[in-house]
Amino acid sequence: MQSIIRGEWVSKQTVKNKVHQIEFPRNEKKPEKKKVVDYLYIDEDEEHIFLQFRNKKGDLIENENHQKNNSLITKLVYIYDEIENESPKSNRHQMVNLHYFCNVNTEEDNLKFWDEIFGYMDSSYDLGKVKKYI
C-alpha cells in the first residue's frame, strides 16, 4: 500500500518515518499581562495506540503472563476561557482563546507534561480570580 505525498507515491515506511519526525513546537512566549476570567475550561482526552515495536522490530518485552508491552498513550489537553456561538442563529459553539498541549509520554513524563500545562495557566491567567474550573 502506498500514499501520495506532494504528488509522489511513497511507501508506508516513508509515511511512518515522516510522522515520527514531527515535533510539536512549544510556545515559550509569556503574555505581558495575565488575563482575568471567571471560568477556565480544561478538556483532556487520551488515545491508546498499539505498537508493532517501539524503536526497532523485536524490542517489545513480554511480562510474566507472556503479554507484550505494546501500548502507548497519547494525550491531548486544551484550555480555553470562553465559549461563543459560531453565528447569531447557530446552535454550534466555538472555543475562544484556545491553547493545545499534546504529548506521547510515559508515566514518569506525565508529571512534567502537567507541570507544563500548569505553567502556561499560571503565566497566562490570574488563577486567584478564577471562580470555577470546568
C-alpha atoms as a PDB file:
ATOM      1  CA  MET A   1       0.000   0.000   0.000  1.00  0.00           C
ATOM      2  CA  GLN A   2       1.285   3.446  -0.873  1.00  0.00           C
ATOM      3  CA  SER A   3       0.317   7.057  -0.179  1.00  0.00           C
ATOM      4  CA  ILE A   4       0.737  10.264  -2.111  1.00  0.00           C
ATOM      5  CA  ILE A   5       2.953  12.979  -0.627  1.00  0.00           C
ATOM      6  CA  ARG A   6       3.489  16.147  -2.676  1.00  0.00           C
ATOM      7  CA  GLY A   7       2.237  14.419  -5.802  1.00  0.00           C
ATOM      8  CA  GLU A   8       4.552  11.390  -5.486  1.00  0.00           C
ATOM      9  CA  TRP A   9       3.773   7.822  -4.459  1.00  0.00           C
ATOM     10  CA  VAL A  10       5.635   6.802  -1.321  1.00  0.00           C
ATOM     11  CA  SER A  11       5.726   3.667   0.822  1.00  0.00           C
ATOM     12  CA  LYS A  12       4.089   3.119   4.226  1.00  0.00           C
ATOM     13  CA  GLN A  13       7.575   3.156   5.741  1.00  0.00           C
ATOM     14  CA  THR A  14       8.243   6.624   4.323  1.00  0.00           C
ATOM     15  CA  VAL A  15       4.959   7.907   5.769  1.00  0.00           C
ATOM     16  CA  LYS A  16       5.833   6.367   9.159  1.00  0.00           C
ATOM     17  CA  ASN A  17       9.285   7.958   9.095  1.00  0.00           C
ATOM     18  CA  LYS A  18       7.819  11.386   8.308  1.00  0.00           C
ATOM     19  CA  VAL A  19       5.240  11.088  11.100  1.00  0.00           C
ATOM     20  CA  HIS A  20       7.941  10.100  13.604  1.00  0.00           C
ATOM     21  CA  GLN A  21       9.966  13.186  12.661  1.00  0.00           C
ATOM     22  CA  ILE A  22       7.152  15.581  13.634  1.00  0.00           C
ATOM     23  CA  GLU A  23       7.949  17.760  16.616  1.00  0.00           C
ATOM     24  CA  PHE A  24       5.372  19.993  18.221  1.00  0.00           C
ATOM     25  CA  PRO A  25       6.771  23.464  18.901  1.00  0.00           C
ATOM     26  CA  ARG A  26       6.484  24.782  22.438  1.00  0.00           C
ATOM     27  CA  ASN A  27       5.135  28.274  22.890  1.00  0.00           C
ATOM     28  CA  GLU A  28       7.570  29.866  25.327  1.00  0.00           C
ATOM     29  CA  LYS A  29       6.245  33.410  24.861  1.00  0.00           C
ATOM     30  CA  LYS A  30       4.693  34.788  28.049  1.00  0.00           C
ATOM     31  CA  PRO A  31       1.928  37.419  27.898  1.00  0.00           C
ATOM     32  CA  GLU A  32       2.651  40.906  29.201  1.00  0.00           C
ATOM     33  CA  LYS A  33      -0.404  40.863  31.449  1.00  0.00           C
ATOM     34  CA  LYS A  34      -2.332  37.938  32.933  1.00  0.00           C
ATOM     35  CA  LYS A  35      -5.957  37.592  31.839  1.00  0.00           C
ATOM     36  CA  VAL A  36      -8.695  37.772  34.440  1.00  0.00           C
ATOM     37  CA  VAL A  37     -11.528  35.317  33.713  1.00  0.00           C
ATOM     38  CA  ASP A  38     -14.360  33.861  35.770  1.00  0.00           C
ATOM     39  CA  TYR A  39     -14.184  30.413  34.178  1.00  0.00           C
ATOM     40  CA  LEU A  40     -11.311  28.406  32.773  1.00  0.00           C
ATOM     41  CA  TYR A  41     -12.146  25.352  30.683  1.00  0.00           C
ATOM     42  CA  ILE A  42      -9.748  22.392  30.667  1.00  0.00           C
ATOM     43  CA  ASP A  43     -10.507  19.399  28.443  1.00  0.00           C
ATOM     44  CA  GLU A  44      -8.347  16.296  28.264  1.00  0.00           C
ATOM     45  CA  ASP A  45      -8.500  13.220  26.074  1.00  0.00           C
ATOM     46  CA  GLU A  46      -6.203  10.286  25.548  1.00  0.00           C
ATOM     47  CA  GLU A  47      -5.835   7.603  22.968  1.00  0.00           C
ATOM     48  CA  HIS A  48      -4.351   4.142  23.404  1.00  0.00           C
ATOM     49  CA  ILE A  49      -2.163   3.117  20.489  1.00  0.00           C
ATOM     50  CA  PHE A  50      -0.984  -0.425  19.914  1.00  0.00           C
ATOM     51  CA  LEU A  51       2.546  -0.732  18.571  1.00  0.00           C
ATOM     52  CA  GLN A  52       4.292  -3.327  16.470  1.00  0.00           C
ATOM     53  CA  PHE A  53       7.570  -2.210  18.045  1.00  0.00           C
ATOM     54  CA  ARG A  54       8.954   0.767  19.987  1.00  0.00           C
ATOM     55  CA  ASN A  55      12.291   1.613  18.357  1.00  0.00           C
ATOM     56  CA  LYS A  56      13.155  -1.422  16.267  1.00  0.00           C
ATOM     57  CA  LYS A  57      11.476  -4.681  15.316  1.00  0.00           C
ATOM     58  CA  GLY A  58      11.562  -7.280  18.085  1.00  0.00           C
ATOM     59  CA  ASP A  59      12.155  -4.893  21.006  1.00  0.00           C
ATOM     60  CA  LEU A  60       8.815  -5.427  22.810  1.00  0.00           C
ATOM     61  CA  ILE A  61       9.246  -7.074  26.216  1.00  0.00           C
ATOM     62  CA  GLU A  62       6.908  -9.806  27.473  1.00  0.00           C
ATOM     63  CA  ASN A  63       5.697  -9.820  31.074  1.00  0.00           C
ATOM     64  CA  GLU A  64       5.245 -12.908  33.268  1.00  0.00           C
ATOM     65  CA  ASN A  65       1.860 -13.603  31.608  1.00  0.00           C
ATOM     66  CA  HIS A  66       3.510 -13.655  28.160  1.00  0.00           C
ATOM     67  CA  GLN A  67       1.831 -10.393  27.128  1.00  0.00           C
ATOM     68  CA  LYS A  68       3.863  -7.831  25.218  1.00  0.00           C
ATOM     69  CA  ASN A  69       4.071  -4.257  26.406  1.00  0.00           C
ATOM     70  CA  ASN A  70       2.935  -2.865  23.073  1.00  0.00           C
ATOM     71  CA  SER A  71       0.674   0.033  24.036  1.00  0.00           C
ATOM     72  CA  LEU A  72       1.314   3.744  24.182  1.00  0.00           C
ATOM     73  CA  ILE A  73      -0.900   6.550  25.451  1.00  0.00           C
ATOM     74  CA  THR A  74      -1.122   9.873  23.649  1.00  0.00           C
ATOM     75  CA  LYS A  75      -2.650  12.839  25.452  1.00  0.00           C
ATOM     76  CA  LEU A  76      -4.335  15.971  24.190  1.00  0.00           C
ATOM     77  CA  VAL A  77      -5.239  18.802  26.560  1.00  0.00           C
ATOM     78  CA  TYR A  78      -6.826  22.043  25.511  1.00  0.00           C
ATOM     79  CA  ILE A  79      -7.510  25.107  27.601  1.00  0.00           C
ATOM     80  CA  TYR A  80      -9.852  27.951  26.714  1.00  0.00           C
ATOM     81  CA  ASP A  81     -11.576  30.725  28.602  1.00  0.00           C
ATOM     82  CA  GLU A  82     -14.825  31.350  26.733  1.00  0.00           C
ATOM     83  CA  ILE A  83     -17.459  29.681  24.561  1.00  0.00           C
ATOM     84  CA  GLU A  84     -19.393  31.614  21.950  1.00  0.00           C
ATOM     85  CA  ASN A  85     -21.854  30.833  19.175  1.00  0.00           C
ATOM     86  CA  GLU A  86     -20.389  30.381  15.704  1.00  0.00           C
ATOM     87  CA  SER A  87     -23.019  32.765  14.347  1.00  0.00           C
ATOM     88  CA  PRO A  88     -26.049  34.567  15.820  1.00  0.00           C
ATOM     89  CA  LYS A  89     -28.582  31.882  14.802  1.00  0.00           C
ATOM     90  CA  SER A  90     -26.281  28.882  15.185  1.00  0.00           C
ATOM     91  CA  ASN A  91     -26.626  26.106  17.737  1.00  0.00           C
ATOM     92  CA  ARG A  92     -22.933  25.328  17.286  1.00  0.00           C
ATOM     93  CA  HIS A  93     -20.318  26.770  19.602  1.00  0.00           C
ATOM     94  CA  GLN A  94     -16.639  27.538  19.340  1.00  0.00           C
ATOM     95  CA  MET A  95     -13.921  27.785  21.946  1.00  0.00           C
ATOM     96  CA  VAL A  96     -12.251  31.174  22.418  1.00  0.00           C
ATOM     97  CA  ASN A  97      -8.551  31.700  23.255  1.00  0.00           C
ATOM     98  CA  LEU A  98      -7.830  28.033  22.698  1.00  0.00           C
ATOM     99  CA  HIS A  99      -4.417  26.619  23.570  1.00  0.00           C
ATOM    100  CA  TYR A 100      -3.417  22.974  22.870  1.00  0.00           C
ATOM    101  CA  PHE A 101      -0.959  20.662  24.578  1.00  0.00           C
ATOM    102  CA  CYS A 102      -0.178  17.234  23.172  1.00  0.00           C
ATOM    103  CA  ASN A 103       2.289  14.598  24.181  1.00  0.00           C
ATOM    104  CA  VAL A 104       3.186  10.971  23.854  1.00  0.00           C
ATOM    105  CA  ASN A 105       4.625  10.155  27.220  1.00  0.00           C
ATOM    106  CA  THR A 106       5.407   7.547  29.792  1.00  0.00           C
ATOM    107  CA  GLU A 107       4.297   7.659  33.421  1.00  0.00           C
ATOM    108  CA  GLU A 108       7.438   9.457  34.565  1.00  0.00           C
ATOM    109  CA  ASP A 109       6.955  12.133  31.871  1.00  0.00           C
ATOM    110  CA  ASN A 110       3.312  12.637  32.843  1.00  0.00           C
ATOM    111  CA  LEU A 111       4.115  14.948  35.770  1.00  0.00           C
ATOM    112  CA  LYS A 112       6.344  17.096  33.544  1.00  0.00           C
ATOM    113  CA  PHE A 113       3.518  17.319  30.995  1.00  0.00           C
ATOM    114  CA  TRP A 114       1.003  18.547  33.603  1.00  0.00           C
ATOM    115  CA  ASP A 115       3.611  20.923  35.075  1.00  0.00           C
ATOM    116  CA  GLU A 116       3.978  22.457  31.609  1.00  0.00           C
ATOM    117  CA  ILE A 117       0.200  22.916  31.394  1.00  0.00           C
ATOM    118  CA  PHE A 118       0.026  24.495  34.850  1.00  0.00           C
ATOM    119  CA  GLY A 119       2.943  26.771  33.937  1.00  0.00           C
ATOM    120  CA  TYR A 120       1.011  28.032  30.923  1.00  0.00           C
ATOM    121  CA  MET A 121      -2.123  28.605  33.007  1.00  0.00           C
ATOM    122  CA  ASP A 122      -0.204  30.377  35.759  1.00  0.00           C
ATOM    123  CA  SER A 123       1.646  32.672  33.341  1.00  0.00           C
ATOM    124  CA  SER A 124      -1.429  33.459  31.213  1.00  0.00           C
ATOM    125  CA  TYR A 125      -4.256  33.772  33.749  1.00  0.00           C
ATOM    126  CA  ASP A 126      -4.709  35.284  37.202  1.00  0.00           C
ATOM    127  CA  LEU A 127      -5.613  31.933  38.770  1.00  0.00           C
ATOM    128  CA  GLY A 128      -6.600  33.553  42.090  1.00  0.00           C
ATOM    129  CA  LYS A 129      -9.532  35.241  40.385  1.00  0.00           C
ATOM    130  CA  VAL A 130     -10.874  32.206  38.518  1.00  0.00           C
ATOM    131  CA  LYS A 131     -14.230  31.318  40.073  1.00  0.00           C
ATOM    132  CA  LYS A 132     -14.539  27.847  38.587  1.00  0.00           C
ATOM    133  CA  TYR A 133     -12.501  25.385  36.542  1.00  0.00           C
ATOM    134  CA  ILE A 134     -14.686  23.460  34.132  1.00  0.00           C
END
